[in-house]
Amino acid sequence: MLIAFVMLVYGEPAQAQGITQRGIASVYSIRSNRGAITASGRRLVDSAMTAAHRTLPFGSRVRVTNRRNRRSVIVTITDRGPFIRARVIDLTKSAAGAIGMGYGLAPVTLERVP
């Protein structure tokens, strides 16, 4: 009950206000999801610079920086996930490639951009 009250008083969660978030990024399982409709109603496209995040509003733009090599990309949130607790964002194949992630996992920093 207290959590709901705090969210009503202070608005969006901290990460939605531009504060950075750190964690592990993963890549969508493209083969099983190709052409699927995302939670926002958009079609999942390998070449799109999009991502899934648990709480950020759809349409939010986020700078994702790979902490191993400092490469970054700006993605648009179009889906919900990841559903594995330790991960903070799911990237499309193109977005993952842009930060040198390939098909694996990478430690990243997320920063909401206007």
C-alpha atoms as a PDB file:
ATOM      1  CA  MET A   1       0.000   0.000   0.000  1.00  0.00           C
ATOM      2  CA  LEU A   2       2.813   2.396   0.851  1.00  0.00           C
ATOM      3  CA  ILE A   3       4.549   1.730  -2.474  1.00  0.00           C
ATOM      4  CA  ALA A   4       1.424   2.704  -4.412  1.00  0.00           C
ATOM      5  CA  PHE A   5       1.143   5.900  -2.382  1.00  0.00           C
ATOM      6  CA  VAL A   6       4.775   6.868  -3.017  1.00  0.00           C
ATOM      7  CA  MET A   7       4.361   6.346  -6.774  1.00  0.00           C
ATOM      8  CA  LEU A   8       1.251   8.520  -6.804  1.00  0.00           C
ATOM      9  CA  VAL A   9       2.986  11.333  -4.944  1.00  0.00           C
ATOM     10  CA  TYR A  10       6.299  11.279  -6.785  1.00  0.00           C
ATOM     11  CA  GLY A  11       5.201  10.166 -10.276  1.00  0.00           C
ATOM     12  CA  GLU A  12       7.254   7.870 -12.488  1.00  0.00           C
ATOM     13  CA  PRO A  13       9.869   5.433 -11.175  1.00  0.00           C
ATOM     14  CA  ALA A  14      13.383   6.851 -10.803  1.00  0.00           C
ATOM     15  CA  GLN A  15      14.739   5.282 -14.003  1.00  0.00           C
ATOM     16  CA  ALA A  16      11.894   6.858 -15.973  1.00  0.00           C
ATOM     17  CA  GLN A  17      13.028  10.337 -14.862  1.00  0.00           C
ATOM     18  CA  GLY A  18      16.455  10.139 -16.527  1.00  0.00           C
ATOM     19  CA  ILE A  19      18.433   8.558 -13.706  1.00  0.00           C
ATOM     20  CA  THR A  20      20.804   5.901 -14.956  1.00  0.00           C
ATOM     21  CA  GLN A  21      20.233   2.200 -14.450  1.00  0.00           C
ATOM     22  CA  ARG A  22      22.921  -0.482 -14.590  1.00  0.00           C
ATOM     23  CA  GLY A  23      22.563  -4.159 -15.285  1.00  0.00           C
ATOM     24  CA  ILE A  24      22.786  -6.880 -17.888  1.00  0.00           C
ATOM     25  CA  ALA A  25      21.408  -6.521 -21.418  1.00  0.00           C
ATOM     26  CA  SER A  26      20.310  -9.445 -23.538  1.00  0.00           C
ATOM     27  CA  VAL A  27      19.214  -9.925 -27.143  1.00  0.00           C
ATOM     28  CA  TYR A  28      15.661 -10.823 -28.165  1.00  0.00           C
ATOM     29  CA  SER A  29      15.280 -14.413 -29.278  1.00  0.00           C
ATOM     30  CA  ILE A  30      14.874 -13.203 -32.842  1.00  0.00           C
ATOM     31  CA  ARG A  31      14.208 -16.595 -34.461  1.00  0.00           C
ATOM     32  CA  SER A  32      11.230 -17.341 -32.259  1.00  0.00           C
ATOM     33  CA  ASN A  33       9.879 -13.767 -32.183  1.00  0.00           C
ATOM     34  CA  ARG A  34      10.495 -12.512 -35.763  1.00  0.00           C
ATOM     35  CA  GLY A  35       7.440 -10.606 -36.918  1.00  0.00           C
ATOM     36  CA  ALA A  36       5.768 -10.867 -33.539  1.00  0.00           C
ATOM     37  CA  ILE A  37       3.702  -7.949 -32.311  1.00  0.00           C
ATOM     38  CA  THR A  38       5.265  -6.175 -29.316  1.00  0.00           C
ATOM     39  CA  ALA A  39       3.354  -5.010 -26.252  1.00  0.00           C
ATOM     40  CA  SER A  40       3.106  -1.530 -27.802  1.00  0.00           C
ATOM     41  CA  GLY A  41       1.445  -2.934 -30.927  1.00  0.00           C
ATOM     42  CA  ARG A  42       4.476  -2.511 -33.216  1.00  0.00           C
ATOM     43  CA  ARG A  43       5.949  -5.404 -35.175  1.00  0.00           C
ATOM     44  CA  LEU A  44       9.312  -6.738 -33.936  1.00  0.00           C
ATOM     45  CA  VAL A  45      11.905  -6.071 -36.669  1.00  0.00           C
ATOM     46  CA  ASP A  46      15.535  -7.274 -36.465  1.00  0.00           C
ATOM     47  CA  SER A  47      16.897  -4.099 -38.041  1.00  0.00           C
ATOM     48  CA  ALA A  48      14.999  -1.655 -35.817  1.00  0.00           C
ATOM     49  CA  MET A  49      16.779   0.090 -32.946  1.00  0.00           C
ATOM     50  CA  THR A  50      14.196  -0.947 -30.372  1.00  0.00           C
ATOM     51  CA  ALA A  51      14.179  -2.636 -26.988  1.00  0.00           C
ATOM     52  CA  ALA A  52      12.074  -4.089 -24.204  1.00  0.00           C
ATOM     53  CA  HIS A  53      12.099  -2.656 -20.666  1.00  0.00           C
ATOM     54  CA  ARG A  54       9.929  -3.560 -17.683  1.00  0.00           C
ATOM     55  CA  THR A  55       8.753  -0.101 -16.608  1.00  0.00           C
ATOM     56  CA  LEU A  56       9.717   2.698 -19.005  1.00  0.00           C
ATOM     57  CA  PRO A  57       6.804   4.072 -21.053  1.00  0.00           C
ATOM     58  CA  PHE A  58       6.505   2.988 -24.682  1.00  0.00           C
ATOM     59  CA  GLY A  59       8.200   5.473 -26.967  1.00  0.00           C
ATOM     60  CA  SER A  60      10.873   6.346 -24.394  1.00  0.00           C
ATOM     61  CA  ARG A  61      14.304   6.809 -25.907  1.00  0.00           C
ATOM     62  CA  VAL A  62      17.181   5.262 -23.980  1.00  0.00           C
ATOM     63  CA  ARG A  63      20.945   5.449 -24.475  1.00  0.00           C
ATOM     64  CA  VAL A  64      22.376   1.976 -23.865  1.00  0.00           C
ATOM     65  CA  THR A  65      26.134   1.917 -23.227  1.00  0.00           C
ATOM     66  CA  ASN A  66      28.141  -1.303 -23.205  1.00  0.00           C
ATOM     67  CA  ARG A  67      30.401  -0.949 -20.154  1.00  0.00           C
ATOM     68  CA  ARG A  68      33.015  -3.295 -21.651  1.00  0.00           C
ATOM     69  CA  ASN A  69      33.814  -1.169 -24.703  1.00  0.00           C
ATOM     70  CA  ARG A  70      31.988   2.156 -24.062  1.00  0.00           C
ATOM     71  CA  ARG A  71      30.005   1.887 -27.314  1.00  0.00           C
ATOM     72  CA  SER A  72      26.456   3.208 -27.111  1.00  0.00           C
ATOM     73  CA  VAL A  73      23.230   3.265 -29.086  1.00  0.00           C
ATOM     74  CA  ILE A  74      19.898   5.031 -28.643  1.00  0.00           C
ATOM     75  CA  VAL A  75      16.883   2.719 -28.745  1.00  0.00           C
ATOM     76  CA  THR A  76      13.135   3.213 -28.462  1.00  0.00           C
ATOM     77  CA  ILE A  77      11.174   1.157 -25.922  1.00  0.00           C
ATOM     78  CA  THR A  78       8.450  -0.794 -27.740  1.00  0.00           C
ATOM     79  CA  ASP A  79       8.006  -3.903 -25.613  1.00  0.00           C
ATOM     80  CA  ARG A  80       7.939  -5.287 -22.065  1.00  0.00           C
ATOM     81  CA  GLY A  81      10.676  -7.484 -20.637  1.00  0.00           C
ATOM     82  CA  PRO A  82      13.138  -8.955 -20.074  1.00  0.00           C
ATOM     83  CA  PHE A  83      11.533 -11.522 -17.840  1.00  0.00           C
ATOM     84  CA  ILE A  84      14.757 -12.834 -16.323  1.00  0.00           C
ATOM     85  CA  ARG A  85      15.330 -11.002 -13.047  1.00  0.00           C
ATOM     86  CA  ALA A  86      19.032 -10.163 -13.445  1.00  0.00           C
ATOM     87  CA  ARG A  87      18.534  -8.443 -16.825  1.00  0.00           C
ATOM     88  CA  VAL A  88      17.442  -4.835 -17.336  1.00  0.00           C
ATOM     89  CA  ILE A  89      16.834  -4.574 -21.105  1.00  0.00           C
ATOM     90  CA  ASP A  90      16.301  -6.753 -24.187  1.00  0.00           C
ATOM     91  CA  LEU A  91      17.763  -5.354 -27.419  1.00  0.00           C
ATOM     92  CA  THR A  92      17.043  -6.189 -31.037  1.00  0.00           C
ATOM     93  CA  LYS A  93      19.816  -7.802 -33.072  1.00  0.00           C
ATOM     94  CA  SER A  94      20.791  -4.481 -34.709  1.00  0.00           C
ATOM     95  CA  ALA A  95      20.932  -2.558 -31.438  1.00  0.00           C
ATOM     96  CA  ALA A  96      23.016  -5.293 -29.810  1.00  0.00           C
ATOM     97  CA  GLY A  97      25.377  -5.288 -32.794  1.00  0.00           C
ATOM     98  CA  ALA A  98      25.762  -1.520 -32.615  1.00  0.00           C
ATOM     99  CA  ILE A  99      27.262  -1.771 -29.140  1.00  0.00           C
ATOM    100  CA  GLY A 100      29.398  -4.809 -29.945  1.00  0.00           C
ATOM    101  CA  MET A 101      27.276  -7.248 -28.008  1.00  0.00           C
ATOM    102  CA  GLY A 102      26.613  -9.889 -30.662  1.00  0.00           C
ATOM    103  CA  TYR A 103      24.085 -12.494 -29.506  1.00  0.00           C
ATOM    104  CA  GLY A 104      25.194 -12.723 -25.882  1.00  0.00           C
ATOM    105  CA  LEU A 105      24.899 -10.704 -22.731  1.00  0.00           C
ATOM    106  CA  ALA A 106      26.677  -7.496 -21.790  1.00  0.00           C
ATOM    107  CA  PRO A 107      26.935  -5.207 -18.758  1.00  0.00           C
ATOM    108  CA  VAL A 108      25.253  -1.937 -19.696  1.00  0.00           C
ATOM    109  CA  THR A 109      24.240   1.461 -18.395  1.00  0.00           C
ATOM    110  CA  LEU A 110      20.843   2.869 -19.401  1.00  0.00           C
ATOM    111  CA  GLU A 111      20.125   6.582 -19.545  1.00  0.00           C
ATOM    112  CA  ARG A 112      16.810   8.046 -20.656  1.00  0.00           C
ATOM    113  CA  VAL A 113      17.232  10.768 -23.286  1.00  0.00           C
ATOM    114  CA  PRO A 114      14.719  13.429 -24.394  1.00  0.00           C
END
